[in-house]
Amino acid sequence: MNSPDPQPAAHILVVDDDERIRSLLRRFLMRNDFLVTTARDAAHARRLLDGLDFDLIVLDVMMPGEDGFTLTRDLRKRMTTPILLLTAKGETGDRIEGFESGADDYLPKPFEPRELLLRIAAILRRMPTAEAKGPKFLSLGPLRYDADKGELWQGDAPLRLTGTEQALLRRLADTPRQPVSRSTLIEDLGRSHSEEAGENSERAIDVQITRLRRKIEPDPKEPRYLQTVRGTGYMLVPD
């Protein structure tokens, strides 16, 4: 009997302005069977994140220019990749700021390498498996949806989506050709867009679906890609 395929190694992005620490972390993590890419600052990290997918970001807080808190807050607007912050500051206020910025964990320097491994393992265990996510790209007629980036393209031109439309399309794209109930959509959008929580009713979902259909359907009155499932909710049906 064939043995199951081994689980691919997690790919970690290490962001630290200290070359010595970057090198040490890279060698240590690679010895523990991780794939590792390093970045020297926030701008370098952004360029890498635009072209590569990572399973975890290990991010130093105290960097010149854009610090780790600011970068974390910005990344959280467009991706869910887990982030572990490293910092020389261990005060409660700094830890709170780290979690409020959207970090998944926070490890003060200096730290024991073994503890870093345990923190990384704990974060990765909490993440959904790759099989639970939908495909990376979906075709909707002439449109192409990048599920990782939450972007909708027509040829070389991006189509503008509101924050709510992005969240709605991302959730439906996670389970293509499977109905998603209105209550599930309300819950997911409410969690992602708390400022709009007051509007998160079934009627509000219907309105958002109508608006999204105007952008993706050749004939919004006869939807081909964003279908209504009577008595349940909605379903995304890509080509």
C-alpha atoms as a PDB file:
ATOM      1  CA  MET A   1       0.000   0.000   0.000  1.00  0.00           C
ATOM      2  CA  ASN A   2       1.356   3.421  -0.916  1.00  0.00           C
ATOM      3  CA  SER A   3       2.181   5.697   1.994  1.00  0.00           C
ATOM      4  CA  PRO A   4       0.442   9.107   2.068  1.00  0.00           C
ATOM      5  CA  ASP A   5       2.297  12.043   0.568  1.00  0.00           C
ATOM      6  CA  PRO A   6       4.342  13.885   3.198  1.00  0.00           C
ATOM      7  CA  GLN A   7       2.986  17.220   4.367  1.00  0.00           C
ATOM      8  CA  PRO A   8       4.876  20.021   2.591  1.00  0.00           C
ATOM      9  CA  ALA A   9       7.149  22.100   4.790  1.00  0.00           C
ATOM     10  CA  ALA A  10       5.681  25.363   6.046  1.00  0.00           C
ATOM     11  CA  HIS A  11       7.169  28.450   4.378  1.00  0.00           C
ATOM     12  CA  ILE A  12       8.090  31.176   6.874  1.00  0.00           C
ATOM     13  CA  LEU A  13       8.951  34.805   6.120  1.00  0.00           C
ATOM     14  CA  VAL A  14      11.379  36.299   8.671  1.00  0.00           C
ATOM     15  CA  VAL A  15      11.420  40.119   8.730  1.00  0.00           C
ATOM     16  CA  ASP A  16      14.168  41.750  10.811  1.00  0.00           C
ATOM     17  CA  ASP A  17      16.520  44.667  10.152  1.00  0.00           C
ATOM     18  CA  ASP A  18      19.358  42.932  12.036  1.00  0.00           C
ATOM     19  CA  GLU A  19      21.291  40.811   9.540  1.00  0.00           C
ATOM     20  CA  ARG A  20      22.785  38.628  12.273  1.00  0.00           C
ATOM     21  CA  ILE A  21      19.362  37.755  13.719  1.00  0.00           C
ATOM     22  CA  ARG A  22      17.945  37.092  10.239  1.00  0.00           C
ATOM     23  CA  SER A  23      20.767  34.695   9.501  1.00  0.00           C
ATOM     24  CA  LEU A  24      20.495  32.910  12.860  1.00  0.00           C
ATOM     25  CA  LEU A  25      16.728  32.479  12.572  1.00  0.00           C
ATOM     26  CA  ARG A  26      17.006  31.290   8.990  1.00  0.00           C
ATOM     27  CA  ARG A  27      19.564  28.594   9.827  1.00  0.00           C
ATOM     28  CA  PHE A  28      17.726  27.505  12.963  1.00  0.00           C
ATOM     29  CA  LEU A  29      14.329  27.222  11.273  1.00  0.00           C
ATOM     30  CA  MET A  30      15.757  25.438   8.242  1.00  0.00           C
ATOM     31  CA  ARG A  31      17.403  22.889  10.540  1.00  0.00           C
ATOM     32  CA  ASN A  32      13.906  22.244  11.884  1.00  0.00           C
ATOM     33  CA  ASP A  33      12.542  21.495   8.405  1.00  0.00           C
ATOM     34  CA  PHE A  34      10.936  24.846   7.542  1.00  0.00           C
ATOM     35  CA  LEU A  35      11.307  26.698   4.271  1.00  0.00           C
ATOM     36  CA  VAL A  36      12.580  30.202   5.105  1.00  0.00           C
ATOM     37  CA  THR A  37      12.727  33.504   3.238  1.00  0.00           C
ATOM     38  CA  THR A  38      14.089  36.652   4.881  1.00  0.00           C
ATOM     39  CA  ALA A  39      13.381  40.371   4.468  1.00  0.00           C
ATOM     40  CA  ARG A  40      15.406  43.279   5.833  1.00  0.00           C
ATOM     41  CA  ASP A  41      12.541  45.739   6.343  1.00  0.00           C
ATOM     42  CA  ALA A  42       8.822  46.317   5.766  1.00  0.00           C
ATOM     43  CA  ALA A  43       9.245  47.469   2.156  1.00  0.00           C
ATOM     44  CA  HIS A  44      11.265  44.351   1.310  1.00  0.00           C
ATOM     45  CA  ALA A  45       8.619  42.190   3.008  1.00  0.00           C
ATOM     46  CA  ARG A  46       5.834  43.794   0.971  1.00  0.00           C
ATOM     47  CA  ARG A  47       7.612  42.998  -2.297  1.00  0.00           C
ATOM     48  CA  LEU A  48       8.016  39.364  -1.265  1.00  0.00           C
ATOM     49  CA  LEU A  49       4.395  39.084  -0.122  1.00  0.00           C
ATOM     50  CA  ASP A  50       3.195  40.422  -3.478  1.00  0.00           C
ATOM     51  CA  GLY A  51       4.775  37.465  -5.264  1.00  0.00           C
ATOM     52  CA  LEU A  52       4.952  34.602  -2.768  1.00  0.00           C
ATOM     53  CA  ASP A  53       2.603  32.768  -0.413  1.00  0.00           C
ATOM     54  CA  PHE A  54       3.749  32.159   3.159  1.00  0.00           C
ATOM     55  CA  ASP A  55       2.337  30.032   5.968  1.00  0.00           C
ATOM     56  CA  LEU A  56       3.642  32.339   8.731  1.00  0.00           C
ATOM     57  CA  ILE A  57       5.376  35.705   9.140  1.00  0.00           C
ATOM     58  CA  VAL A  58       7.906  36.168  11.956  1.00  0.00           C
ATOM     59  CA  LEU A  59       8.145  39.943  12.250  1.00  0.00           C
ATOM     60  CA  ASP A  60      10.404  42.179  14.333  1.00  0.00           C
ATOM     61  CA  VAL A  61       8.573  45.156  15.834  1.00  0.00           C
ATOM     62  CA  MET A  62      11.431  47.632  16.224  1.00  0.00           C
ATOM     63  CA  MET A  63      12.571  48.356  12.667  1.00  0.00           C
ATOM     64  CA  PRO A  64      13.650  51.668  11.129  1.00  0.00           C
ATOM     65  CA  GLY A  65      11.009  53.262   8.958  1.00  0.00           C
ATOM     66  CA  GLU A  66       7.739  51.329   9.097  1.00  0.00           C
ATOM     67  CA  ASP A  67       7.635  49.313  12.323  1.00  0.00           C
ATOM     68  CA  GLY A  68       6.148  45.874  12.861  1.00  0.00           C
ATOM     69  CA  PHE A  69       2.911  47.120  14.437  1.00  0.00           C
ATOM     70  CA  THR A  70       2.145  49.347  11.445  1.00  0.00           C
ATOM     71  CA  LEU A  71       2.997  46.647   8.924  1.00  0.00           C
ATOM     72  CA  THR A  72       0.842  44.107  10.773  1.00  0.00           C
ATOM     73  CA  ARG A  73      -2.169  46.439  10.786  1.00  0.00           C
ATOM     74  CA  ASP A  74      -1.826  47.042   7.054  1.00  0.00           C
ATOM     75  CA  LEU A  75      -1.343  43.373   6.165  1.00  0.00           C
ATOM     76  CA  ARG A  76      -4.443  42.451   8.154  1.00  0.00           C
ATOM     77  CA  LYS A  77      -6.537  44.532   5.742  1.00  0.00           C
ATOM     78  CA  ARG A  78      -5.743  42.168   2.864  1.00  0.00           C
ATOM     79  CA  MET A  79      -4.494  38.812   4.153  1.00  0.00           C
ATOM     80  CA  THR A  80      -4.964  36.316   6.956  1.00  0.00           C
ATOM     81  CA  THR A  81      -1.409  34.914   7.034  1.00  0.00           C
ATOM     82  CA  PRO A  82      -0.562  34.400  10.734  1.00  0.00           C
ATOM     83  CA  ILE A  83       1.966  36.822  12.225  1.00  0.00           C
ATOM     84  CA  LEU A  84       4.290  36.232  15.182  1.00  0.00           C
ATOM     85  CA  LEU A  85       5.819  39.466  16.505  1.00  0.00           C
ATOM     86  CA  LEU A  86       9.321  39.583  17.974  1.00  0.00           C
ATOM     87  CA  THR A  87      10.349  42.538  20.101  1.00  0.00           C
ATOM     88  CA  ALA A  88      12.823  43.667  22.733  1.00  0.00           C
ATOM     89  CA  LYS A  89       9.859  45.195  24.560  1.00  0.00           C
ATOM     90  CA  GLY A  90       7.998  42.877  26.885  1.00  0.00           C
ATOM     91  CA  GLU A  91       5.706  45.335  28.647  1.00  0.00           C
ATOM     92  CA  THR A  92       1.997  44.602  28.825  1.00  0.00           C
ATOM     93  CA  GLY A  93       1.124  47.697  26.794  1.00  0.00           C
ATOM     94  CA  ASP A  94       3.319  46.576  23.920  1.00  0.00           C
ATOM     95  CA  ARG A  95       1.844  43.078  23.963  1.00  0.00           C
ATOM     96  CA  ILE A  96      -1.648  44.535  23.867  1.00  0.00           C
ATOM     97  CA  GLU A  97      -0.712  46.795  20.956  1.00  0.00           C
ATOM     98  CA  GLY A  98       0.686  43.774  19.139  1.00  0.00           C
ATOM     99  CA  PHE A  99      -2.519  41.788  19.494  1.00  0.00           C
ATOM    100  CA  GLU A 100      -4.678  44.810  18.662  1.00  0.00           C
ATOM    101  CA  SER A 101      -2.715  45.281  15.449  1.00  0.00           C
ATOM    102  CA  GLY A 102      -3.766  41.766  14.399  1.00  0.00           C
ATOM    103  CA  ALA A 103      -0.800  39.613  15.450  1.00  0.00           C
ATOM    104  CA  ASP A 104      -1.431  35.973  16.337  1.00  0.00           C
ATOM    105  CA  ASP A 105       1.296  35.789  18.974  1.00  0.00           C
ATOM    106  CA  TYR A 106       4.007  37.894  20.599  1.00  0.00           C
ATOM    107  CA  LEU A 107       7.447  36.770  21.775  1.00  0.00           C
ATOM    108  CA  PRO A 108       9.776  39.150  23.693  1.00  0.00           C
ATOM    109  CA  LYS A 109      13.527  39.083  23.056  1.00  0.00           C
ATOM    110  CA  PRO A 110      15.696  37.416  24.136  1.00  0.00           C
ATOM    111  CA  PHE A 111      13.911  34.110  23.755  1.00  0.00           C
ATOM    112  CA  GLU A 112      14.858  30.455  23.785  1.00  0.00           C
ATOM    113  CA  PRO A 113      14.880  29.000  20.245  1.00  0.00           C
ATOM    114  CA  ARG A 114      12.836  26.057  21.502  1.00  0.00           C
ATOM    115  CA  GLU A 115      10.095  28.429  22.639  1.00  0.00           C
ATOM    116  CA  LEU A 116      10.002  30.019  19.185  1.00  0.00           C
ATOM    117  CA  LEU A 117       9.486  26.579  17.665  1.00  0.00           C
ATOM    118  CA  LEU A 118       6.670  25.813  20.086  1.00  0.00           C
ATOM    119  CA  ARG A 119       4.948  29.130  19.344  1.00  0.00           C
ATOM    120  CA  ILE A 120       5.232  28.557  15.590  1.00  0.00           C
ATOM    121  CA  ALA A 121       3.872  25.018  15.894  1.00  0.00           C
ATOM    122  CA  ALA A 122       0.934  26.220  17.992  1.00  0.00           C
ATOM    123  CA  ILE A 123       0.015  28.909  15.447  1.00  0.00           C
ATOM    124  CA  LEU A 124       0.242  26.537  12.484  1.00  0.00           C
ATOM    125  CA  ARG A 125      -1.956  23.970  14.258  1.00  0.00           C
ATOM    126  CA  ARG A 126      -4.689  26.581  14.579  1.00  0.00           C
ATOM    127  CA  MET A 127      -4.687  27.400  10.874  1.00  0.00           C
ATOM    128  CA  PRO A 128      -7.078  25.609   8.499  1.00  0.00           C
ATOM    129  CA  THR A 129      -5.463  23.052   6.243  1.00  0.00           C
ATOM    130  CA  ALA A 130      -4.819  23.901   2.618  1.00  0.00           C
ATOM    131  CA  GLU A 131      -7.471  21.361   1.583  1.00  0.00           C
ATOM    132  CA  ALA A 132     -10.113  23.378   3.449  1.00  0.00           C
ATOM    133  CA  LYS A 133      -9.553  26.413   1.242  1.00  0.00           C
ATOM    134  CA  GLY A 134     -10.891  26.944  -2.235  1.00  0.00           C
ATOM    135  CA  PRO A 135      -8.743  27.197  -5.365  1.00  0.00           C
ATOM    136  CA  LYS A 136      -6.291  30.077  -5.692  1.00  0.00           C
ATOM    137  CA  PHE A 137      -7.810  31.387  -8.948  1.00  0.00           C
ATOM    138  CA  LEU A 138     -11.392  31.269 -10.188  1.00  0.00           C
ATOM    139  CA  SER A 139     -12.674  32.120 -13.665  1.00  0.00           C
ATOM    140  CA  LEU A 140     -15.992  33.922 -13.952  1.00  0.00           C
ATOM    141  CA  GLY A 141     -16.411  34.336 -17.705  1.00  0.00           C
ATOM    142  CA  PRO A 142     -14.035  37.135 -18.741  1.00  0.00           C
ATOM    143  CA  LEU A 143     -13.201  37.834 -15.098  1.00  0.00           C
ATOM    144  CA  ARG A 144     -10.454  36.235 -13.001  1.00  0.00           C
ATOM    145  CA  TYR A 145     -10.598  36.159  -9.207  1.00  0.00           C
ATOM    146  CA  ASP A 146      -7.407  35.884  -7.144  1.00  0.00           C
ATOM    147  CA  ALA A 147      -8.631  34.282  -3.921  1.00  0.00           C
ATOM    148  CA  ASP A 148      -5.397  34.849  -1.986  1.00  0.00           C
ATOM    149  CA  LYS A 149      -5.332  38.575  -2.685  1.00  0.00           C
ATOM    150  CA  GLY A 150      -9.087  39.076  -2.848  1.00  0.00           C
ATOM    151  CA  GLU A 151      -8.757  40.808  -6.227  1.00  0.00           C
ATOM    152  CA  LEU A 152     -11.036  40.638  -9.259  1.00  0.00           C
ATOM    153  CA  TRP A 153      -9.488  41.253 -12.688  1.00  0.00           C
ATOM    154  CA  GLN A 154     -10.821  41.783 -16.199  1.00  0.00           C
ATOM    155  CA  GLY A 155      -7.822  41.189 -18.406  1.00  0.00           C
ATOM    156  CA  ASP A 156      -5.053  43.431 -17.045  1.00  0.00           C
ATOM    157  CA  ALA A 157      -7.466  45.826 -15.333  1.00  0.00           C
ATOM    158  CA  PRO A 158      -8.541  45.330 -11.701  1.00  0.00           C
ATOM    159  CA  LEU A 159     -12.216  45.796 -10.862  1.00  0.00           C
ATOM    160  CA  ARG A 160     -12.835  47.843  -7.744  1.00  0.00           C
ATOM    161  CA  LEU A 161     -14.622  46.026  -4.921  1.00  0.00           C
ATOM    162  CA  THR A 162     -15.775  47.534  -1.656  1.00  0.00           C
ATOM    163  CA  GLY A 163     -14.511  45.994   1.582  1.00  0.00           C
ATOM    164  CA  THR A 164     -17.812  44.196   2.102  1.00  0.00           C
ATOM    165  CA  GLU A 165     -17.861  42.907  -1.487  1.00  0.00           C
ATOM    166  CA  GLN A 166     -14.308  41.611  -1.051  1.00  0.00           C
ATOM    167  CA  ALA A 167     -15.242  39.770   2.157  1.00  0.00           C
ATOM    168  CA  LEU A 168     -18.410  38.360   0.580  1.00  0.00           C
ATOM    169  CA  LEU A 169     -16.662  37.112  -2.559  1.00  0.00           C
ATOM    170  CA  ARG A 170     -13.769  35.673  -0.562  1.00  0.00           C
ATOM    171  CA  ARG A 171     -16.149  33.670   1.649  1.00  0.00           C
ATOM    172  CA  LEU A 172     -18.108  32.293  -1.301  1.00  0.00           C
ATOM    173  CA  ALA A 173     -14.872  31.468  -3.167  1.00  0.00           C
ATOM    174  CA  ASP A 174     -13.653  29.383  -0.212  1.00  0.00           C
ATOM    175  CA  THR A 175     -16.357  26.811  -0.995  1.00  0.00           C
ATOM    176  CA  PRO A 176     -17.194  27.107  -4.706  1.00  0.00           C
ATOM    177  CA  ARG A 177     -20.291  25.236  -5.908  1.00  0.00           C
ATOM    178  CA  GLN A 178     -21.417  24.779  -2.305  1.00  0.00           C
ATOM    179  CA  PRO A 179     -24.332  26.775  -0.887  1.00  0.00           C
ATOM    180  CA  VAL A 180     -23.524  29.216   1.908  1.00  0.00           C
ATOM    181  CA  SER A 181     -26.404  30.261   4.145  1.00  0.00           C
ATOM    182  CA  ARG A 182     -27.305  33.884   4.762  1.00  0.00           C
ATOM    183  CA  SER A 183     -26.700  33.400   8.486  1.00  0.00           C
ATOM    184  CA  THR A 184     -23.149  32.185   7.784  1.00  0.00           C
ATOM    185  CA  LEU A 185     -22.489  35.168   5.531  1.00  0.00           C
ATOM    186  CA  ILE A 186     -23.886  37.539   8.164  1.00  0.00           C
ATOM    187  CA  GLU A 187     -21.629  36.001  10.816  1.00  0.00           C
ATOM    188  CA  ASP A 188     -18.509  36.074   8.637  1.00  0.00           C
ATOM    189  CA  LEU A 189     -19.026  39.615   7.389  1.00  0.00           C
ATOM    190  CA  GLY A 190     -19.859  40.833  10.857  1.00  0.00           C
ATOM    191  CA  ARG A 191     -16.574  39.415  12.136  1.00  0.00           C
ATOM    192  CA  SER A 192     -14.572  40.981   9.307  1.00  0.00           C
ATOM    193  CA  HIS A 193     -16.348  44.352   9.207  1.00  0.00           C
ATOM    194  CA  SER A 194     -17.416  45.208  12.735  1.00  0.00           C
ATOM    195  CA  GLU A 195     -18.039  48.822  11.749  1.00  0.00           C
ATOM    196  CA  GLU A 196     -20.846  47.570   9.507  1.00  0.00           C
ATOM    197  CA  ALA A 197     -22.272  45.131  12.031  1.00  0.00           C
ATOM    198  CA  GLY A 198     -25.463  47.141  12.390  1.00  0.00           C
ATOM    199  CA  GLU A 199     -26.260  46.489   8.732  1.00  0.00           C
ATOM    200  CA  ASN A 200     -25.558  42.765   8.854  1.00  0.00           C
ATOM    201  CA  SER A 201     -29.030  41.378   8.349  1.00  0.00           C
ATOM    202  CA  GLU A 202     -30.381  39.049   5.720  1.00  0.00           C
ATOM    203  CA  ARG A 203     -31.692  42.037   3.801  1.00  0.00           C
ATOM    204  CA  ALA A 204     -28.254  43.682   3.876  1.00  0.00           C
ATOM    205  CA  ILE A 205     -26.680  40.494   2.528  1.00  0.00           C
ATOM    206  CA  ASP A 206     -29.219  40.427  -0.311  1.00  0.00           C
ATOM    207  CA  VAL A 207     -28.377  44.036  -1.176  1.00  0.00           C
ATOM    208  CA  GLN A 208     -24.652  43.280  -1.219  1.00  0.00           C
ATOM    209  CA  ILE A 209     -25.236  40.237  -3.431  1.00  0.00           C
ATOM    210  CA  THR A 210     -27.195  42.419  -5.881  1.00  0.00           C
ATOM    211  CA  ARG A 211     -24.360  44.953  -6.014  1.00  0.00           C
ATOM    212  CA  LEU A 212     -21.754  42.239  -6.512  1.00  0.00           C
ATOM    213  CA  ARG A 213     -23.774  40.667  -9.333  1.00  0.00           C
ATOM    214  CA  ARG A 214     -23.701  43.976 -11.195  1.00  0.00           C
ATOM    215  CA  LYS A 215     -19.924  43.683 -11.291  1.00  0.00           C
ATOM    216  CA  ILE A 216     -19.499  40.008 -12.180  1.00  0.00           C
ATOM    217  CA  GLU A 217     -22.600  38.918 -14.102  1.00  0.00           C
ATOM    218  CA  PRO A 218     -23.210  39.512 -17.836  1.00  0.00           C
ATOM    219  CA  ASP A 219     -26.912  39.718 -16.946  1.00  0.00           C
ATOM    220  CA  PRO A 220     -27.432  40.409 -13.212  1.00  0.00           C
ATOM    221  CA  LYS A 221     -31.133  39.517 -13.551  1.00  0.00           C
ATOM    222  CA  GLU A 222     -30.190  36.028 -14.760  1.00  0.00           C
ATOM    223  CA  PRO A 223     -27.136  35.243 -12.614  1.00  0.00           C
ATOM    224  CA  ARG A 224     -24.775  32.614 -13.939  1.00  0.00           C
ATOM    225  CA  TYR A 225     -21.916  32.766 -11.433  1.00  0.00           C
ATOM    226  CA  LEU A 226     -23.475  34.038  -8.198  1.00  0.00           C
ATOM    227  CA  GLN A 227     -26.564  31.894  -7.857  1.00  0.00           C
ATOM    228  CA  THR A 228     -29.387  31.939  -5.339  1.00  0.00           C
ATOM    229  CA  VAL A 229     -30.031  28.620  -3.604  1.00  0.00           C
ATOM    230  CA  ARG A 230     -33.679  28.756  -2.637  1.00  0.00           C
ATOM    231  CA  GLY A 231     -34.280  28.346   1.071  1.00  0.00           C
ATOM    232  CA  THR A 232     -30.565  28.406   1.853  1.00  0.00           C
ATOM    233  CA  GLY A 233     -28.511  31.317   0.603  1.00  0.00           C
ATOM    234  CA  TYR A 234     -26.018  31.798  -2.208  1.00  0.00           C
ATOM    235  CA  MET A 235     -23.448  29.821  -4.162  1.00  0.00           C
ATOM    236  CA  LEU A 236     -20.515  30.843  -6.350  1.00  0.00           C
ATOM    237  CA  VAL A 237     -20.328  28.753  -9.544  1.00  0.00           C
ATOM    238  CA  PRO A 238     -17.100  29.481 -11.446  1.00  0.00           C
ATOM    239  CA  ASP A 239     -16.332  28.147 -14.928  1.00  0.00           C
END
